[in-house]
């Protein structure tokens, strides 16, 4: 592998790591905000807000996962595969919060 290709590979890998990390952090903050919204404004408002955000995050996750898969195959970069699980886990956690109907709510 030439030095130029190696530098490009490392830069792209680092950018993808950063994008994935930021996306997961953003999803965690959104999940926390949704939890607070539910506590302050009720289940109906939280669910409506969460559903709109969920659609956005699903599209973002799909694009990022596709980018990761491409990099994994193109550069034979196995370490990036773990980010797919991290992204899916963060998305699942957010989705759970969207559909989490608090039974104690009056």
Foldseek 3Di string as FASTA:
>chain_A
DDPVVVVVLVVLVVVLVVVLVVLLVVLVVLLVVLVVCCVPPNLVVSLVVLVVVLVVLVVVLVVSVVSLVVSCVVVVDPVSVVSNVSSVVSSVSSVCSSPDHDPPDD
